[in-house]
């Protein structure tokens, strides 16, 4: 490898909005980074998934455009 052409690879402190904090390695110039969702609070990993009720929207759409293709 050529010397002095690679970026600095240093520790990066990552803080989630839920309060979870961990350290990883990165080439970012910052020493700290803030994220909105991590594995401690993401619904997929916690098993507490929210089911968004879009049935009302779909029904309303179908009702509005039900006569659109009728002759």
PDB file of N, CA and C in Angstrom:
ATOM      1  N   UNK A   1       0.841  -1.186   0.000  1.00  0.00           N
ATOM      2  CA  UNK A   1       0.000   0.000   0.000  1.00  0.00           C
ATOM      3  C   UNK A   1       0.880   1.240   0.000  1.00  0.00           C
ATOM      4  N   UNK A   2       0.392   2.261  -0.662  1.00  0.00           N
ATOM      5  CA  UNK A   2       1.137   3.507  -0.711  1.00  0.00           C
ATOM      6  C   UNK A   2       0.970   4.248   0.613  1.00  0.00           C
ATOM      7  N   UNK A   3       2.021   4.814   1.128  1.00  0.00           N
ATOM      8  CA  UNK A   3       1.916   5.550   2.395  1.00  0.00           C
ATOM      9  C   UNK A   3       1.247   6.909   2.199  1.00  0.00           C
ATOM     10  N   UNK A   4       0.512   7.334   3.218  1.00  0.00           N
ATOM     11  CA  UNK A   4      -0.086   8.665   3.326  1.00  0.00           C
ATOM     12  C   UNK A   4      -1.137   8.986   2.267  1.00  0.00           C
ATOM     13  N   UNK A   5      -1.816   7.996   1.707  1.00  0.00           N
ATOM     14  CA  UNK A   5      -2.916   8.287   0.787  1.00  0.00           C
ATOM     15  C   UNK A   5      -4.260   7.830   1.352  1.00  0.00           C
ATOM     16  N   UNK A   6      -4.242   7.084   2.437  1.00  0.00           N
ATOM     17  CA  UNK A   6      -5.468   6.550   3.016  1.00  0.00           C
ATOM     18  C   UNK A   6      -6.017   7.501   4.078  1.00  0.00           C
ATOM     19  N   UNK A   7      -7.346   7.613   4.186  1.00  0.00           N
ATOM     20  CA  UNK A   7      -7.929   8.485   5.213  1.00  0.00           C
ATOM     21  C   UNK A   7      -7.684   7.925   6.610  1.00  0.00           C
ATOM     22  N   UNK A   8      -7.747   8.809   7.582  1.00  0.00           N
ATOM     23  CA  UNK A   8      -7.585   8.392   8.977  1.00  0.00           C
ATOM     24  C   UNK A   8      -8.797   7.559   9.400  1.00  0.00           C
ATOM     25  N   UNK A   9      -8.528   6.430  10.009  1.00  0.00           N
ATOM     26  CA  UNK A   9      -9.559   5.506  10.471  1.00  0.00           C
ATOM     27  C   UNK A   9      -9.559   5.560  11.983  1.00  0.00           C
ATOM     28  N   UNK A  10     -10.594   6.202  12.560  1.00  0.00           N
ATOM     29  CA  UNK A  10     -10.591   6.427  14.004  1.00  0.00           C
ATOM     30  C   UNK A  10     -11.925   6.036  14.623  1.00  0.00           C
ATOM     31  N   UNK A  11     -11.984   6.076  15.944  1.00  0.00           N
ATOM     32  CA  UNK A  11     -13.209   5.751  16.679  1.00  0.00           C
ATOM     33  C   UNK A  11     -14.243   6.853  16.481  1.00  0.00           C
ATOM     34  N   UNK A  12     -15.506   6.438  16.360  1.00  0.00           N
ATOM     35  CA  UNK A  12     -16.619   7.361  16.202  1.00  0.00           C
ATOM     36  C   UNK A  12     -17.677   7.001  17.234  1.00  0.00           C
ATOM     37  N   UNK A  13     -18.084   7.961  18.033  1.00  0.00           N
ATOM     38  CA  UNK A  13     -19.117   7.756  19.041  1.00  0.00           C
ATOM     39  C   UNK A  13     -20.478   8.042  18.406  1.00  0.00           C
ATOM     40  N   UNK A  14     -21.357   7.042  18.410  1.00  0.00           N
ATOM     41  CA  UNK A  14     -22.683   7.165  17.808  1.00  0.00           C
ATOM     42  C   UNK A  14     -23.712   7.210  18.925  1.00  0.00           C
ATOM     43  N   UNK A  15     -24.593   8.216  18.883  1.00  0.00           N
ATOM     44  CA  UNK A  15     -25.637   8.384  19.885  1.00  0.00           C
ATOM     45  C   UNK A  15     -26.993   8.363  19.191  1.00  0.00           C
ATOM     46  N   UNK A  16     -27.892   7.534  19.699  1.00  0.00           N
ATOM     47  CA  UNK A  16     -29.241   7.430  19.146  1.00  0.00           C
ATOM     48  C   UNK A  16     -30.172   8.381  19.903  1.00  0.00           C
ATOM     49  N   UNK A  17     -31.297   8.717  19.279  1.00  0.00           N
ATOM     50  CA  UNK A  17     -32.265   9.593  19.939  1.00  0.00           C
ATOM     51  C   UNK A  17     -32.918   8.922  21.143  1.00  0.00           C
ATOM     52  N   UNK A  18     -32.853   7.576  21.227  1.00  0.00           N
ATOM     53  CA  UNK A  18     -33.418   6.864  22.378  1.00  0.00           C
ATOM     54  C   UNK A  18     -32.459   6.868  23.569  1.00  0.00           C
ATOM     55  N   UNK A  19     -31.225   7.325  23.365  1.00  0.00           N
ATOM     56  CA  UNK A  19     -30.254   7.384  24.450  1.00  0.00           C
ATOM     57  C   UNK A  19     -29.175   6.330  24.353  1.00  0.00           C
ATOM     58  N   UNK A  20     -29.341   5.356  23.483  1.00  0.00           N
ATOM     59  CA  UNK A  20     -28.332   4.315  23.298  1.00  0.00           C
ATOM     60  C   UNK A  20     -27.075   4.927  22.677  1.00  0.00           C
ATOM     61  N   UNK A  21     -25.929   4.496  23.158  1.00  0.00           N
ATOM     62  CA  UNK A  21     -24.666   5.030  22.656  1.00  0.00           C
ATOM     63  C   UNK A  21     -23.701   3.876  22.432  1.00  0.00           C
ATOM     64  N   UNK A  22     -22.992   3.907  21.298  1.00  0.00           N
ATOM     65  CA  UNK A  22     -21.994   2.886  21.006  1.00  0.00           C
ATOM     66  C   UNK A  22     -20.858   3.500  20.206  1.00  0.00           C
ATOM     67  N   UNK A  23     -19.769   2.777  20.111  1.00  0.00           N
ATOM     68  CA  UNK A  23     -18.580   3.248  19.412  1.00  0.00           C
ATOM     69  C   UNK A  23     -18.295   2.326  18.239  1.00  0.00           C
ATOM     70  N   UNK A  24     -17.938   2.937  17.126  1.00  0.00           N
ATOM     71  CA  UNK A  24     -17.571   2.193  15.929  1.00  0.00           C
ATOM     72  C   UNK A  24     -16.369   2.879  15.292  1.00  0.00           C
ATOM     73  N   UNK A  25     -15.871   2.322  14.233  1.00  0.00           N
ATOM     74  CA  UNK A  25     -14.748   2.923  13.516  1.00  0.00           C
ATOM     75  C   UNK A  25     -15.273   3.586  12.249  1.00  0.00           C
ATOM     76  N   UNK A  26     -14.649   4.712  11.862  1.00  0.00           N
ATOM     77  CA  UNK A  26     -15.092   5.425  10.682  1.00  0.00           C
ATOM     78  C   UNK A  26     -13.987   6.331  10.161  1.00  0.00           C
ATOM     79  N   UNK A  27     -14.163   6.792   8.933  1.00  0.00           N
ATOM     80  CA  UNK A  27     -13.245   7.769   8.347  1.00  0.00           C
ATOM     81  C   UNK A  27     -13.841   9.171   8.380  1.00  0.00           C
ATOM     82  N   UNK A  28     -14.970   9.339   9.078  1.00  0.00           N
ATOM     83  CA  UNK A  28     -15.586  10.663   9.194  1.00  0.00           C
ATOM     84  C   UNK A  28     -14.670  11.605   9.952  1.00  0.00           C
ATOM     85  N   UNK A  29     -14.767  12.885   9.626  1.00  0.00           N
ATOM     86  CA  UNK A  29     -13.949  13.887  10.298  1.00  0.00           C
ATOM     87  C   UNK A  29     -14.469  14.183  11.704  1.00  0.00           C
ATOM     88  N   UNK A  30     -15.755  13.896  11.948  1.00  0.00           N
ATOM     89  CA  UNK A  30     -16.353  14.156  13.256  1.00  0.00           C
ATOM     90  C   UNK A  30     -15.938  13.089  14.262  1.00  0.00           C
ATOM     91  N   UNK A  31     -16.038  13.439  15.545  1.00  0.00           N
ATOM     92  CA  UNK A  31     -15.786  12.476  16.617  1.00  0.00           C
ATOM     93  C   UNK A  31     -17.081  11.867  17.146  1.00  0.00           C
ATOM     94  N   UNK A  32     -18.220  12.536  16.865  1.00  0.00           N
ATOM     95  CA  UNK A  32     -19.520  12.072  17.349  1.00  0.00           C
ATOM     96  C   UNK A  32     -20.538  12.178  16.224  1.00  0.00           C
ATOM     97  N   UNK A  33     -21.532  11.285  16.274  1.00  0.00           N
ATOM     98  CA  UNK A  33     -22.559  11.242  15.242  1.00  0.00           C
ATOM     99  C   UNK A  33     -23.878  10.897  15.915  1.00  0.00           C
ATOM    100  N   UNK A  34     -24.975  11.563  15.529  1.00  0.00           N
ATOM    101  CA  UNK A  34     -26.288  11.327  16.112  1.00  0.00           C
ATOM    102  C   UNK A  34     -27.193  10.674  15.073  1.00  0.00           C
ATOM    103  N   UNK A  35     -27.884   9.611  15.483  1.00  0.00           N
ATOM    104  CA  UNK A  35     -28.821   8.928  14.602  1.00  0.00           C
ATOM    105  C   UNK A  35     -30.206   8.946  15.230  1.00  0.00           C
ATOM    106  N   UNK A  36     -31.236   8.702  14.427  1.00  0.00           N
ATOM    107  CA  UNK A  36     -32.608   8.716  14.928  1.00  0.00           C
ATOM    108  C   UNK A  36     -33.074   7.350  15.405  1.00  0.00           C
ATOM    109  N   UNK A  37     -32.608   6.281  14.752  1.00  0.00           N
ATOM    110  CA  UNK A  37     -33.077   4.933  15.061  1.00  0.00           C
ATOM    111  C   UNK A  37     -31.888   3.990  15.120  1.00  0.00           C
ATOM    112  N   UNK A  38     -31.879   3.119  16.123  1.00  0.00           N
ATOM    113  CA  UNK A  38     -30.821   2.110  16.244  1.00  0.00           C
ATOM    114  C   UNK A  38     -31.471   0.750  16.487  1.00  0.00           C
ATOM    115  N   UNK A  39     -30.668  -0.262  16.687  1.00  0.00           N
ATOM    116  CA  UNK A  39     -31.214  -1.604  16.900  1.00  0.00           C
ATOM    117  C   UNK A  39     -31.920  -1.737  18.248  1.00  0.00           C
ATOM    118  N   UNK A  40     -31.679  -0.835  19.177  1.00  0.00           N
ATOM    119  CA  UNK A  40     -32.347  -0.887  20.477  1.00  0.00           C
ATOM    120  C   UNK A  40     -33.769  -0.336  20.424  1.00  0.00           C
ATOM    121  N   UNK A  41     -34.056   0.540  19.440  1.00  0.00           N
ATOM    122  CA  UNK A  41     -35.383   1.156  19.399  1.00  0.00           C
ATOM    123  C   UNK A  41     -36.113   0.947  18.076  1.00  0.00           C
ATOM    124  N   UNK A  42     -35.485   0.321  17.087  1.00  0.00           N
ATOM    125  CA  UNK A  42     -36.146   0.091  15.802  1.00  0.00           C
ATOM    126  C   UNK A  42     -37.214  -0.991  15.959  1.00  0.00           C
ATOM    127  N   UNK A  43     -38.422  -0.762  15.431  1.00  0.00           N
ATOM    128  CA  UNK A  43     -39.509  -1.730  15.609  1.00  0.00           C
ATOM    129  C   UNK A  43     -39.197  -3.131  15.089  1.00  0.00           C
ATOM    130  N   UNK A  44     -38.408  -3.254  14.048  1.00  0.00           N
ATOM    131  CA  UNK A  44     -38.083  -4.575  13.513  1.00  0.00           C
ATOM    132  C   UNK A  44     -37.287  -5.390  14.520  1.00  0.00           C
ATOM    133  N   UNK A  45     -36.357  -4.759  15.204  1.00  0.00           N
ATOM    134  CA  UNK A  45     -35.501  -5.473  16.150  1.00  0.00           C
ATOM    135  C   UNK A  45     -36.152  -5.651  17.517  1.00  0.00           C
ATOM    136  N   UNK A  46     -37.035  -4.738  17.903  1.00  0.00           N
ATOM    137  CA  UNK A  46     -37.672  -4.836  19.214  1.00  0.00           C
ATOM    138  C   UNK A  46     -38.902  -5.731  19.192  1.00  0.00           C
ATOM    139  N   UNK A  47     -39.450  -6.007  18.023  1.00  0.00           N
ATOM    140  CA  UNK A  47     -40.653  -6.828  17.919  1.00  0.00           C
ATOM    141  C   UNK A  47     -41.924  -6.065  18.218  1.00  0.00           C
ATOM    142  N   UNK A  48     -41.831  -4.778  18.373  1.00  0.00           N
ATOM    143  CA  UNK A  48     -42.993  -3.944  18.660  1.00  0.00           C
ATOM    144  C   UNK A  48     -43.335  -3.119  17.427  1.00  0.00           C
ATOM    145  N   UNK A  49     -43.670  -3.813  16.356  1.00  0.00           N
ATOM    146  CA  UNK A  49     -43.954  -3.126  15.109  1.00  0.00           C
ATOM    147  C   UNK A  49     -45.307  -2.449  15.171  1.00  0.00           C
ATOM    148  N   UNK A  50     -45.370  -1.263  14.607  1.00  0.00           N
ATOM    149  CA  UNK A  50     -46.620  -0.538  14.508  1.00  0.00           C
ATOM    150  C   UNK A  50     -47.273  -0.919  13.189  1.00  0.00           C
ATOM    151  N   UNK A  51     -48.544  -1.214  13.235  1.00  0.00           N
ATOM    152  CA  UNK A  51     -49.275  -1.506  12.012  1.00  0.00           C
ATOM    153  C   UNK A  51     -50.065  -0.256  11.660  1.00  0.00           C
ATOM    154  N   UNK A  52     -49.727   0.327  10.540  1.00  0.00           N
ATOM    155  CA  UNK A  52     -50.374   1.557  10.113  1.00  0.00           C
ATOM    156  C   UNK A  52     -51.680   1.195   9.423  1.00  0.00           C
ATOM    157  N   UNK A  53     -52.751   1.796   9.881  1.00  0.00           N
ATOM    158  CA  UNK A  53     -54.068   1.501   9.330  1.00  0.00           C
ATOM    159  C   UNK A  53     -54.300   2.369   8.103  1.00  0.00           C
ATOM    160  N   UNK A  54     -54.130   1.777   6.932  1.00  0.00           N
ATOM    161  CA  UNK A  54     -54.372   2.501   5.690  1.00  0.00           C
ATOM    162  C   UNK A  54     -55.676   2.065   5.045  1.00  0.00           C
ATOM    163  N   UNK A  55     -56.418   1.196   5.703  1.00  0.00           N
ATOM    164  CA  UNK A  55     -57.671   0.707   5.126  1.00  0.00           C
ATOM    165  C   UNK A  55     -58.645   1.855   4.904  1.00  0.00           C
ATOM    166  N   UNK A  56     -58.699   2.791   5.800  1.00  0.00           N
ATOM    167  CA  UNK A  56     -59.585   3.936   5.631  1.00  0.00           C
ATOM    168  C   UNK A  56     -59.226   4.752   4.408  1.00  0.00           C
ATOM    169  N   UNK A  57     -57.958   4.936   4.153  1.00  0.00           N
ATOM    170  CA  UNK A  57     -57.516   5.684   2.982  1.00  0.00           C
ATOM    171  C   UNK A  57     -57.833   4.931   1.695  1.00  0.00           C
ATOM    172  N   UNK A  58     -57.589   3.631   1.706  1.00  0.00           N
ATOM    173  CA  UNK A  58     -57.861   2.824   0.515  1.00  0.00           C
ATOM    174  C   UNK A  58     -59.350   2.818   0.218  1.00  0.00           C
ATOM    175  N   UNK A  59     -60.168   2.641   1.231  1.00  0.00           N
ATOM    176  CA  UNK A  59     -61.620   2.652   1.037  1.00  0.00           C
ATOM    177  C   UNK A  59     -62.092   4.001   0.508  1.00  0.00           C
ATOM    178  N   UNK A  60     -61.559   5.060   1.043  1.00  0.00           N
ATOM    179  CA  UNK A  60     -61.938   6.396   0.592  1.00  0.00           C
ATOM    180  C   UNK A  60     -61.526   6.610  -0.868  1.00  0.00           C
ATOM    181  N   UNK A  61     -60.328   6.141  -1.239  1.00  0.00           N
ATOM    182  CA  UNK A  61     -59.867   6.245  -2.621  1.00  0.00           C
ATOM    183  C   UNK A  61     -60.777   5.452  -3.553  1.00  0.00           C
ATOM    184  N   UNK A  62     -61.078   4.220  -3.175  1.00  0.00           N
ATOM    185  CA  UNK A  62     -61.950   3.390  -4.009  1.00  0.00           C
ATOM    186  C   UNK A  62     -63.343   3.992  -4.144  1.00  0.00           C
ATOM    187  N   UNK A  63     -63.832   4.601  -3.096  1.00  0.00           N
ATOM    188  CA  UNK A  63     -65.144   5.223  -3.144  1.00  0.00           C
ATOM    189  C   UNK A  63     -65.133   6.441  -4.064  1.00  0.00           C
ATOM    190  N   UNK A  64     -64.079   7.231  -4.018  1.00  0.00           N
ATOM    191  CA  UNK A  64     -63.990   8.424  -4.858  1.00  0.00           C
ATOM    192  C   UNK A  64     -63.920   8.076  -6.337  1.00  0.00           C
ATOM    193  N   UNK A  65     -63.193   7.020  -6.659  1.00  0.00           N
ATOM    194  CA  UNK A  65     -62.956   6.696  -8.057  1.00  0.00           C
ATOM    195  C   UNK A  65     -63.687   5.435  -8.514  1.00  0.00           C
ATOM    196  N   UNK A  66     -64.733   5.031  -7.807  1.00  0.00           N
ATOM    197  CA  UNK A  66     -65.468   3.820  -8.184  1.00  0.00           C
ATOM    198  C   UNK A  66     -66.229   4.013  -9.492  1.00  0.00           C
ATOM    199  N   UNK A  67     -66.687   5.213  -9.777  1.00  0.00           N
ATOM    200  CA  UNK A  67     -67.448   5.480 -10.998  1.00  0.00           C
ATOM    201  C   UNK A  67     -66.561   5.953 -12.143  1.00  0.00           C
ATOM    202  N   UNK A  68     -65.286   5.945 -11.965  1.00  0.00           N
ATOM    203  CA  UNK A  68     -64.369   6.492 -12.965  1.00  0.00           C
ATOM    204  C   UNK A  68     -64.367   5.674 -14.248  1.00  0.00           C
ATOM    205  N   UNK A  69     -64.369   4.352 -14.143  1.00  0.00           N
ATOM    206  CA  UNK A  69     -64.295   3.502 -15.328  1.00  0.00           C
ATOM    207  C   UNK A  69     -65.648   2.913 -15.741  1.00  0.00           C
ATOM    208  N   UNK A  70     -66.683   3.194 -15.007  1.00  0.00           N
ATOM    209  CA  UNK A  70     -68.006   2.685 -15.368  1.00  0.00           C
ATOM    210  C   UNK A  70     -68.556   3.498 -16.532  1.00  0.00           C
ATOM    211  N   UNK A  71     -69.239   2.792 -17.430  1.00  0.00           N
ATOM    212  CA  UNK A  71     -69.805   3.481 -18.604  1.00  0.00           C
ATOM    213  C   UNK A  71     -71.272   3.674 -18.473  1.00  0.00           C
TER     214      UNK A  71
END
